[in-house]
Each structure stands twice: as structure tokens, then as C-alpha cells.
C-alpha atoms as a PDB file:
ATOM      1  CA  MET A   1       0.000   0.000   0.000  1.00  0.00           C
ATOM      2  CA  THR A   2       1.473   3.382  -1.005  1.00  0.00           C
ATOM      3  CA  LEU A   3       0.269   6.531   0.665  1.00  0.00           C
ATOM      4  CA  VAL A   4       1.232   9.758  -1.033  1.00  0.00           C
ATOM      5  CA  SER A   5      -0.030  12.018   1.738  1.00  0.00           C
ATOM      6  CA  SER A   6      -2.057  12.101   4.986  1.00  0.00           C
ATOM      7  CA  THR A   7      -5.385  12.353   6.885  1.00  0.00           C
ATOM      8  CA  THR A   8      -6.938  12.552  10.290  1.00  0.00           C
ATOM      9  CA  LEU A   9      -6.997   9.182  11.968  1.00  0.00           C
ATOM     10  CA  VAL A  10      -9.549   8.173  14.538  1.00  0.00           C
ATOM     11  CA  SER A  11      -7.383   6.442  17.111  1.00  0.00           C
ATOM     12  CA  LEU A  12      -8.757   3.038  18.071  1.00  0.00           C
ATOM     13  CA  LEU A  13      -6.538   1.344  20.623  1.00  0.00           C
ATOM     14  CA  PHE A  14      -7.332  -2.207  21.670  1.00  0.00           C
ATOM     15  CA  LEU A  15      -9.496  -1.978  24.782  1.00  0.00           C
ATOM     16  CA  GLN A  16     -10.082  -4.733  27.289  1.00  0.00           C
ATOM     17  CA  THR A  17     -13.790  -5.283  27.575  1.00  0.00           C
ATOM     18  CA  THR A  18     -15.581  -4.594  30.840  1.00  0.00           C
ATOM     19  CA  ALA A  19     -17.895  -7.487  30.095  1.00  0.00           C
ATOM     20  CA  SER A  20     -16.588 -11.014  30.388  1.00  0.00           C
ATOM     21  CA  PRO A  21     -18.271 -13.331  27.863  1.00  0.00           C
ATOM     22  CA  PRO A  22     -16.711 -16.783  27.509  1.00  0.00           C
ATOM     23  CA  LEU A  23     -13.611 -16.843  25.313  1.00  0.00           C
ATOM     24  CA  GLN A  24     -15.090 -19.683  23.292  1.00  0.00           C
ATOM     25  CA  ALA A  25     -17.979 -17.423  22.274  1.00  0.00           C
ATOM     26  CA  VAL A  26     -15.505 -14.904  20.836  1.00  0.00           C
ATOM     27  CA  ASN A  27     -13.765 -17.667  18.931  1.00  0.00           C
ATOM     28  CA  ASP A  28     -17.095 -18.949  17.618  1.00  0.00           C
ATOM     29  CA  VAL A  29     -17.993 -15.518  16.239  1.00  0.00           C
ATOM     30  CA  VAL A  30     -14.565 -15.017  14.655  1.00  0.00           C
ATOM     31  CA  THR A  31     -14.646 -18.506  13.122  1.00  0.00           C
ATOM     32  CA  ALA A  32     -18.100 -17.908  11.625  1.00  0.00           C
ATOM     33  CA  VAL A  33     -17.083 -14.528  10.186  1.00  0.00           C
ATOM     34  CA  SER A  34     -13.818 -15.921   8.824  1.00  0.00           C
ATOM     35  CA  SER A  35     -15.688 -18.754   7.123  1.00  0.00           C
ATOM     36  CA  ASN A  36     -18.036 -16.264   5.464  1.00  0.00           C
ATOM     37  CA  VAL A  37     -15.111 -14.109   4.298  1.00  0.00           C
ATOM     38  CA  ALA A  38     -13.478 -17.166   2.695  1.00  0.00           C
ATOM     39  CA  GLU A  39     -16.759 -18.182   1.044  1.00  0.00           C
ATOM     40  CA  PHE A  40     -17.243 -14.626  -0.225  1.00  0.00           C
ATOM     41  CA  TRP A  41     -14.000 -14.624  -2.209  1.00  0.00           C
ATOM     42  CA  ASN A  42     -14.518 -18.175  -3.458  1.00  0.00           C
ATOM     43  CA  LEU A  43     -18.050 -17.609  -4.785  1.00  0.00           C
ATOM     44  CA  LEU A  44     -18.013 -13.940  -5.809  1.00  0.00           C
ATOM     45  CA  PRO A  45     -18.374 -13.642  -9.593  1.00  0.00           C
ATOM     46  CA  ASP A  46     -16.777 -10.959 -11.741  1.00  0.00           C
ATOM     47  CA  PHE A  47     -18.664  -7.725 -11.119  1.00  0.00           C
ATOM     48  CA  VAL A  48     -18.626  -3.987 -11.728  1.00  0.00           C
ATOM     49  CA  CYS A  49     -19.461  -1.029  -9.477  1.00  0.00           C
ATOM     50  CA  ASN A  50     -19.773   2.684  -9.887  1.00  0.00           C
ATOM     51  CA  GLU A  51     -16.866   4.196  -7.971  1.00  0.00           C
ATOM     52  CA  LYS A  52     -16.211   7.722  -6.737  1.00  0.00           C
ATOM     53  CA  ILE A  53     -12.823   8.555  -5.214  1.00  0.00           C
ATOM     54  CA  THR A  54     -12.301  11.807  -3.338  1.00  0.00           C
ATOM     55  CA  SER A  55      -8.661  12.330  -2.373  1.00  0.00           C
ATOM     56  CA  THR A  56      -7.821  15.404  -0.286  1.00  0.00           C
ATOM     57  CA  THR A  57      -4.957  16.890   1.690  1.00  0.00           C
ATOM     58  CA  TYR A  58      -5.473  19.548   4.342  1.00  0.00           C
ATOM     59  CA  GLU A  59      -3.442  22.033   6.345  1.00  0.00           C
ATOM     60  CA  SER A  60      -4.999  23.368   9.533  1.00  0.00           C
ATOM     61  CA  GLY A  61      -8.354  22.078   8.258  1.00  0.00           C
ATOM     62  CA  LYS A  62      -8.151  23.915   4.921  1.00  0.00           C
ATOM     63  CA  VAL A  63      -7.942  22.054   1.625  1.00  0.00           C
ATOM     64  CA  ARG A  64      -4.439  22.024   0.158  1.00  0.00           C
ATOM     65  CA  ASP A  65      -5.140  19.757  -2.801  1.00  0.00           C
ATOM     66  CA  GLN A  66      -8.084  17.664  -3.940  1.00  0.00           C
ATOM     67  CA  LYS A  67      -8.880  15.316  -6.792  1.00  0.00           C
ATOM     68  CA  ILE A  68     -12.273  13.675  -7.466  1.00  0.00           C
ATOM     69  CA  VAL A  69     -12.417  10.739  -9.866  1.00  0.00           C
ATOM     70  CA  GLU A  70     -15.563   8.904 -10.998  1.00  0.00           C
ATOM     71  CA  SER A  71     -15.062   5.539 -12.657  1.00  0.00           C
ATOM     72  CA  ILE A  72     -16.455   2.116 -13.430  1.00  0.00           C
ATOM     73  CA  PHE A  73     -14.635  -0.304 -11.151  1.00  0.00           C
ATOM     74  CA  THR A  74     -14.278  -3.882 -12.382  1.00  0.00           C
ATOM     75  CA  SER A  75     -13.298  -6.754 -10.093  1.00  0.00           C
ATOM     76  CA  SER A  76     -12.249  -9.934 -11.868  1.00  0.00           C
ATOM     77  CA  ASN A  77     -11.174 -13.294 -10.528  1.00  0.00           C
ATOM     78  CA  LYS A  78      -8.800 -13.570 -13.464  1.00  0.00           C
ATOM     79  CA  GLY A  79      -6.669 -10.529 -12.730  1.00  0.00           C
ATOM     80  CA  SER A  80      -6.204  -7.229 -10.952  1.00  0.00           C
ATOM     81  CA  PRO A  81      -9.122  -4.800 -10.584  1.00  0.00           C
ATOM     82  CA  GLN A  82      -9.534  -2.334 -13.458  1.00  0.00           C
ATOM     83  CA  ARG A  83     -11.006   1.164 -13.680  1.00  0.00           C
ATOM     84  CA  GLU A  84     -12.600   2.961 -16.588  1.00  0.00           C
ATOM     85  CA  VAL A  85     -12.228   6.625 -15.697  1.00  0.00           C
ATOM     86  CA  MET A  86     -15.426   8.503 -16.545  1.00  0.00           C
ATOM     87  CA  ALA A  87     -14.874  11.947 -15.028  1.00  0.00           C
ATOM     88  CA  ILE A  88     -12.154  13.921 -13.261  1.00  0.00           C
ATOM     89  CA  ASP A  89     -13.115  16.833 -11.024  1.00  0.00           C
ATOM     90  CA  GLY A  90     -16.596  16.839 -12.518  1.00  0.00           C
ATOM     91  CA  LYS A  91     -15.442  16.990 -16.149  1.00  0.00           C
ATOM     92  CA  PRO A  92     -15.901  14.063 -18.584  1.00  0.00           C
ATOM     93  CA  ALA A  93     -12.676  12.134 -19.081  1.00  0.00           C
ATOM     94  CA  LYS A  94     -11.153  11.384 -22.470  1.00  0.00           C
ATOM     95  CA  ASN A  95     -11.442   7.891 -23.899  1.00  0.00           C
ATOM     96  CA  ASN A  96      -9.027   5.483 -22.207  1.00  0.00           C
ATOM     97  CA  ALA A  97      -8.059   8.144 -19.675  1.00  0.00           C
ATOM     98  CA  LYS A  98      -5.625   6.928 -17.026  1.00  0.00           C
ATOM     99  CA  MET A  99      -6.105   7.329 -13.305  1.00  0.00           C
ATOM    100  CA  PRO A 100      -4.585  10.711 -12.410  1.00  0.00           C
ATOM    101  CA  GLY A 101      -2.128  11.195  -9.577  1.00  0.00           C
ATOM    102  CA  LEU A 102      -3.963  11.641  -6.291  1.00  0.00           C
ATOM    103  CA  PRO A 103      -2.993  13.741  -3.261  1.00  0.00           C
ATOM    104  CA  VAL A 104      -3.593  10.646  -1.111  1.00  0.00           C
ATOM    105  CA  GLU A 105      -3.195   7.407  -3.035  1.00  0.00           C
ATOM    106  CA  LEU A 106      -4.015   3.811  -2.130  1.00  0.00           C
ATOM    107  CA  ASN A 107      -2.724   0.834  -4.066  1.00  0.00           C
ATOM    108  CA  MET A 108      -4.694  -1.981  -2.448  1.00  0.00           C
ATOM    109  CA  GLY A 109      -7.858  -3.906  -3.202  1.00  0.00           C
ATOM    110  CA  PHE A 110     -11.098  -2.376  -1.982  1.00  0.00           C
ATOM    111  CA  GLY A 111     -11.654  -5.308   0.389  1.00  0.00           C
ATOM    112  CA  PHE A 112      -8.196  -5.240   1.973  1.00  0.00           C
ATOM    113  CA  VAL A 113      -9.305  -4.128   5.470  1.00  0.00           C
ATOM    114  CA  ILE A 114     -11.572  -7.114   6.045  1.00  0.00           C
ATOM    115  CA  GLN A 115      -9.163  -9.503   4.302  1.00  0.00           C
ATOM    116  CA  ALA A 116      -6.281  -8.392   6.531  1.00  0.00           C
ATOM    117  CA  THR A 117      -8.355  -9.186   9.619  1.00  0.00           C
ATOM    118  CA  PHE A 118     -10.639 -12.159   8.949  1.00  0.00           C
ATOM    119  CA  THR A 119      -9.075 -14.181   6.130  1.00  0.00           C
ATOM    120  CA  PRO A 120      -8.651 -17.692   7.646  1.00  0.00           C
ATOM    121  CA  SER A 121      -4.858 -17.694   7.228  1.00  0.00           C
ATOM    122  CA  ILE A 122      -4.643 -14.264   8.912  1.00  0.00           C
ATOM    123  CA  VAL A 123      -6.998 -14.719  11.858  1.00  0.00           C
ATOM    124  CA  THR A 124      -4.362 -16.436  13.990  1.00  0.00           C
ATOM    125  CA  ALA A 125      -2.159 -13.328  13.829  1.00  0.00           C
ATOM    126  CA  HIS A 126      -4.712 -11.454  15.987  1.00  0.00           C
ATOM    127  CA  ASN A 127      -6.174 -11.432  19.468  1.00  0.00           C
ATOM    128  CA  PHE A 128      -9.940 -10.874  19.657  1.00  0.00           C
ATOM    129  CA  ALA A 129     -12.323  -9.757  22.409  1.00  0.00           C
ATOM    130  CA  PHE A 130     -15.929  -8.608  22.609  1.00  0.00           C
ATOM    131  CA  GLY A 131     -16.556  -4.876  22.755  1.00  0.00           C
ATOM    132  CA  PRO A 132     -17.587  -3.380  26.096  1.00  0.00           C
ATOM    133  CA  LYS A 133     -21.156  -2.593  25.093  1.00  0.00           C
ATOM    134  CA  ALA A 134     -23.921  -4.437  23.300  1.00  0.00           C
ATOM    135  CA  SER A 135     -25.347  -2.766  20.199  1.00  0.00           C
ATOM    136  CA  SER A 136     -29.027  -2.042  19.612  1.00  0.00           C
ATOM    137  CA  ASP A 137     -28.778  -2.195  15.802  1.00  0.00           C
ATOM    138  CA  GLY A 138     -28.318  -5.929  15.427  1.00  0.00           C
ATOM    139  CA  THR A 139     -24.526  -5.825  15.367  1.00  0.00           C
ATOM    140  CA  LEU A 140     -21.928  -7.171  17.757  1.00  0.00           C
ATOM    141  CA  ALA A 141     -18.667  -5.291  18.365  1.00  0.00           C
ATOM    142  CA  VAL A 142     -15.501  -7.368  18.226  1.00  0.00           C
ATOM    143  CA  GLN A 143     -12.195  -5.682  19.041  1.00  0.00           C
ATOM    144  CA  PHE A 144      -8.897  -6.978  17.716  1.00  0.00           C
ATOM    145  CA  GLU A 145      -5.171  -6.362  17.850  1.00  0.00           C
ATOM    146  CA  THR A 146      -2.213  -8.002  16.149  1.00  0.00           C
ATOM    147  CA  LYS A 147      -0.222 -10.377  18.322  1.00  0.00           C
ATOM    148  CA  LYS A 148       3.083  -8.929  19.504  1.00  0.00           C
ATOM    149  CA  ASP A 149       5.149 -11.688  17.902  1.00  0.00           C
ATOM    150  CA  GLN A 150       3.243 -11.922  14.602  1.00  0.00           C
ATOM    151  CA  GLN A 151       5.271 -11.616  11.377  1.00  0.00           C
ATOM    152  CA  ARG A 152       2.632 -12.678   8.855  1.00  0.00           C
ATOM    153  CA  ILE A 153       1.084  -9.265   8.194  1.00  0.00           C
ATOM    154  CA  LYS A 154       3.314  -6.540   6.778  1.00  0.00           C
ATOM    155  CA  TRP A 155       2.455  -3.197   5.196  1.00  0.00           C
ATOM    156  CA  ASP A 156       4.295  -1.262   2.499  1.00  0.00           C
ATOM    157  CA  LEU A 157       4.118   2.247   3.953  1.00  0.00           C
ATOM    158  CA  GLY A 158       6.184   5.104   2.614  1.00  0.00           C
ATOM    159  CA  GLY A 159       8.331   2.679   0.647  1.00  0.00           C
ATOM    160  CA  LYS A 160       9.141   0.577   3.724  1.00  0.00           C
ATOM    161  CA  SER A 161       7.940  -2.912   4.603  1.00  0.00           C
ATOM    162  CA  LEU A 162       6.747  -2.707   8.200  1.00  0.00           C
ATOM    163  CA  VAL A 163       5.438  -5.506  10.412  1.00  0.00           C
ATOM    164  CA  ALA A 164       1.817  -4.753  11.293  1.00  0.00           C
ATOM    165  CA  ARG A 165       1.215  -3.565  14.837  1.00  0.00           C
ATOM    166  CA  ASP A 166      -2.476  -2.776  14.466  1.00  0.00           C
ATOM    167  CA  ALA A 167      -5.646  -2.521  16.530  1.00  0.00           C
ATOM    168  CA  GLY A 168      -9.269  -1.960  15.629  1.00  0.00           C
ATOM    169  CA  ILE A 169     -12.891  -2.959  15.898  1.00  0.00           C
ATOM    170  CA  ALA A 170     -15.400  -4.759  13.678  1.00  0.00           C
ATOM    171  CA  TRP A 171     -19.178  -4.610  13.912  1.00  0.00           C
ATOM    172  CA  ILE A 172     -20.678  -7.988  13.045  1.00  0.00           C
ATOM    173  CA  ASP A 173     -24.221  -8.389  11.728  1.00  0.00           C
ATOM    174  CA  THR A 174     -25.442 -11.149  14.047  1.00  0.00           C
ATOM    175  CA  ALA A 175     -28.136 -12.421  11.669  1.00  0.00           C
ATOM    176  CA  SER A 176     -25.672 -13.187   8.862  1.00  0.00           C
ATOM    177  CA  MET A 177     -22.325 -13.241  10.721  1.00  0.00           C
ATOM    178  CA  GLN A 178     -20.986 -10.773   8.178  1.00  0.00           C
ATOM    179  CA  VAL A 179     -18.875  -7.678   8.800  1.00  0.00           C
ATOM    180  CA  ALA A 180     -21.042  -4.547   8.577  1.00  0.00           C
ATOM    181  CA  ARG A 181     -18.237  -2.115   9.429  1.00  0.00           C
ATOM    182  CA  ILE A 182     -14.563  -2.419  10.266  1.00  0.00           C
ATOM    183  CA  GLU A 183     -11.982   0.085  11.471  1.00  0.00           C
ATOM    184  CA  ARG A 184      -8.259  -0.609  11.717  1.00  0.00           C
ATOM    185  CA  ASN A 185      -5.456   1.563  13.168  1.00  0.00           C
ATOM    186  CA  PHE A 186      -1.899   1.191  11.926  1.00  0.00           C
ATOM    187  CA  LEU A 187       0.400   1.680  14.919  1.00  0.00           C
ATOM    188  CA  ASN A 188       3.796   0.883  13.354  1.00  0.00           C
ATOM    189  CA  LEU A 189       4.328   3.788  10.966  1.00  0.00           C
ATOM    190  CA  PRO A 190       7.132   5.293   8.863  1.00  0.00           C
ATOM    191  CA  ASN A 191       8.791   8.480  10.081  1.00  0.00           C
ATOM    192  CA  GLY A 192       6.663  10.707   7.861  1.00  0.00           C
ATOM    193  CA  LEU A 193       3.365   9.721   9.486  1.00  0.00           C
ATOM    194  CA  SER A 194       2.138  10.104  13.048  1.00  0.00           C
ATOM    195  CA  ARG A 195      -1.267   8.431  12.584  1.00  0.00           C
ATOM    196  CA  MET A 196      -3.102   6.308  10.072  1.00  0.00           C
ATOM    197  CA  SER A 197      -6.410   4.432   9.994  1.00  0.00           C
ATOM    198  CA  ALA A 198      -8.566   2.542   7.515  1.00  0.00           C
ATOM    199  CA  SER A 199     -12.304   1.943   7.707  1.00  0.00           C
ATOM    200  CA  SER A 200     -14.857   0.272   5.479  1.00  0.00           C
ATOM    201  CA  ASP A 201     -18.645  -0.142   5.495  1.00  0.00           C
ATOM    202  CA  TYR A 202     -20.272  -3.223   3.988  1.00  0.00           C
ATOM    203  CA  GLY A 203     -23.814  -4.067   2.906  1.00  0.00           C
ATOM    204  CA  PRO A 204     -25.625  -7.009   1.282  1.00  0.00           C
ATOM    205  CA  VAL A 205     -25.956  -7.086  -2.495  1.00  0.00           C
ATOM    206  CA  THR A 206     -27.885  -9.810  -4.329  1.00  0.00           C
ATOM    207  CA  ILE A 207     -26.239 -11.037  -7.524  1.00  0.00           C
ATOM    208  CA  GLY A 208     -28.171 -13.838  -9.170  1.00  0.00           C
ATOM    209  CA  LYS A 209     -29.201 -16.299  -6.469  1.00  0.00           C
ATOM    210  CA  ASN A 210     -26.449 -15.343  -4.025  1.00  0.00           C
ATOM    211  CA  THR A 211     -26.072 -12.470  -1.590  1.00  0.00           C
ATOM    212  CA  PHE A 212     -22.653 -10.920  -1.020  1.00  0.00           C
ATOM    213  CA  TRP A 213     -21.605  -8.289   1.506  1.00  0.00           C
ATOM    214  CA  LEU A 214     -19.691  -5.779  -0.614  1.00  0.00           C
ATOM    215  CA  PRO A 215     -17.825  -2.630   0.458  1.00  0.00           C
ATOM    216  CA  ARG A 216     -19.863   0.551   0.196  1.00  0.00           C
ATOM    217  CA  THR A 217     -17.062   2.823   1.339  1.00  0.00           C
ATOM    218  CA  LEU A 218     -13.320   2.581   1.897  1.00  0.00           C
ATOM    219  CA  ARG A 219     -11.644   5.407   3.781  1.00  0.00           C
ATOM    220  CA  ILE A 220      -8.023   6.052   4.712  1.00  0.00           C
ATOM    221  CA  ASP A 221      -7.124   8.805   7.185  1.00  0.00           C
ATOM    222  CA  THR A 222      -3.561   9.900   7.931  1.00  0.00           C
ATOM    223  CA  SER A 223      -1.701  12.587   9.839  1.00  0.00           C
ATOM    224  CA  GLU A 224       1.833  13.738   9.129  1.00  0.00           C
ATOM    225  CA  ARG A 225       4.394  14.515  11.816  1.00  0.00           C
ATOM    226  CA  ASP A 226       3.282  18.099  11.447  1.00  0.00           C
ATOM    227  CA  PRO A 227      -0.233  17.673  12.947  1.00  0.00           C
ATOM    228  CA  ARG A 228      -1.566  20.529  10.830  1.00  0.00           C
ATOM    229  CA  LYS A 229      -1.077  18.422   7.696  1.00  0.00           C
ATOM    230  CA  THR A 230      -3.646  15.692   7.198  1.00  0.00           C
ATOM    231  CA  GLY A 231      -5.301  13.904   4.305  1.00  0.00           C
ATOM    232  CA  GLN A 232      -8.115  11.572   3.370  1.00  0.00           C
ATOM    233  CA  TYR A 233      -8.790   8.976   0.694  1.00  0.00           C
ATOM    234  CA  LEU A 234     -12.482   8.120   0.348  1.00  0.00           C
ATOM    235  CA  ALA A 235     -13.805   5.614  -2.180  1.00  0.00           C
ATOM    236  CA  GLU A 236     -17.588   5.173  -2.494  1.00  0.00           C
ATOM    237  CA  TYR A 237     -19.157   2.217  -4.324  1.00  0.00           C
ATOM    238  CA  SER A 238     -22.695   1.908  -5.681  1.00  0.00           C
ATOM    239  CA  ASN A 239     -24.760  -0.067  -8.209  1.00  0.00           C
ATOM    240  CA  CYS A 240     -22.528  -3.139  -7.894  1.00  0.00           C
ATOM    241  CA  ARG A 241     -23.606  -5.793 -10.386  1.00  0.00           C
ATOM    242  CA  LYS A 242     -22.507  -8.837 -12.318  1.00  0.00           C
ATOM    243  CA  TYR A 243     -21.648  -8.255 -15.969  1.00  0.00           C
ATOM    244  CA  GLY A 244     -24.943  -7.663 -17.738  1.00  0.00           C
ATOM    245  CA  ALA A 245     -27.009  -8.774 -14.725  1.00  0.00           C
ATOM    246  CA  GLU A 246     -29.594  -7.058 -12.574  1.00  0.00           C
ATOM    247  CA  VAL A 247     -28.878  -6.735  -8.842  1.00  0.00           C
ATOM    248  CA  SER A 248     -30.870  -5.577  -5.844  1.00  0.00           C
ATOM    249  CA  PHE A 249     -29.775  -4.031  -2.552  1.00  0.00           C
ATOM    250  CA  GLN A 250     -31.388  -5.491   0.536  1.00  0.00           C
ATOM    251  CA  PRO A 251     -32.636  -3.114   3.251  1.00  0.00           C
END
């Protein structure tokens, strides 16, 4: 992942829960979610989404630089995701226009936050605990942090490969055991950054006979060593659909 600039990060340190549910219950939830994440990537067909990326850097809260790109985002099991750029800063793009340079740039898949936490091969690199409070919206909060001795997860930040020392929280839809929202803080950072976080919201999308929980937003927030200088990368996804197929969003 390459970040060109910075944003405000909501600091989410791993908190010990005040409640004390059985450890096995936490493991059961994580196992169920991890199984669904694996099934998601195994069954998900090639699809397209409308994508809007807003990339902004700030100084003392005022915009320094901003770029807004609207595109058709294509995810294929046969290769890397592709984008057909449709508009840049509100103006129609030329045919075969390339993605412009962004003030804050992210070179990772749009599902990387959930993959880096709940992919079956990655789960064992984390400690999990229930959140301190029950939710009234049908979700269950699960906090996580990377184990101190883990070496499996590494991030390319500022041109350096750094072992992940992360903490965050995921809200699990208890009816489906799917991730509805996830936030992750990156605590081992290069010298140029003082804070960095990633968050993503998910929702159910029906494609054919199957329902998949797809990202609706992906947001990166960073802060430079100079706290006045921040940045944000926000990608918004809508109208996700299989090639040539009708889809419906569930309430």
C-alpha cells in the first residue's frame, strides 16, 4: 500500500472489555465470520461497481489539494481490478483516460481491510475480544489487535515494509455473521506519518441467487508529523452488479 499524503486518523486502541463473555464465544464468532469471508471470495463472480474517489490533503483544516475521480470499477477473478475513468473533477474524461495522480493514493484492493483481519490464514495473527457494550442495531462489536510476535502481516508504507502492529474494531451483523463495518489503526508507521487508519462499510448485495456483503465505502485517514497536515482517501461504491445482470440491494 502506497500513501502519497495524509489524513486525520480516529485512534482506536485495543481496549479490554468490561464485560466477560466466555472466550469460546468470541472464537465462535470469529470462526463464523472468517468462514463467510473465505466463502465470499470463493463464490463472488466478476462484477462492476460505480466508484467515486475523493482524495484530499489539508493544512490546519483547509484544503491544500483535492482530486475527485468517478469511474467504473471492475473486479475480476482472473486478474487485478480495473477502472474505466469517466470523469475527473466533474469533467468528462477522455477515452481510455488513465487514473490521475492523487494527493492521497491507495494501491490496495477495496476489500483489503476485512481480508487483513478475517481471512482464515490471517486470523491467527490477531487477538480478539468482545466490545464493552452491546449494540441495539443488530450488530456485535468485536475488538482486535495483532499479536506482539506476529510476522505474517506486513504493510508497504512510505516505501518501507513494516510488520503490522495494528488494533481496531469490527461490527458484526449477528443475523448473517458478516462484517457490517470495520476500522483498523496502523500503529507501526514510517517516520513521515504520526497516525493512520482505515475503515470500510459493507452491505448485502444480491447477484443472481447469491447475496454478497460488498464494500460501500473505503476510507483512509492519515496525519503527518506536522499535525496541521492531514489527508483523506475516500472511495464510495454503488450499483454493484454482475456483468450484464440485474442486482438488488437489501434493506
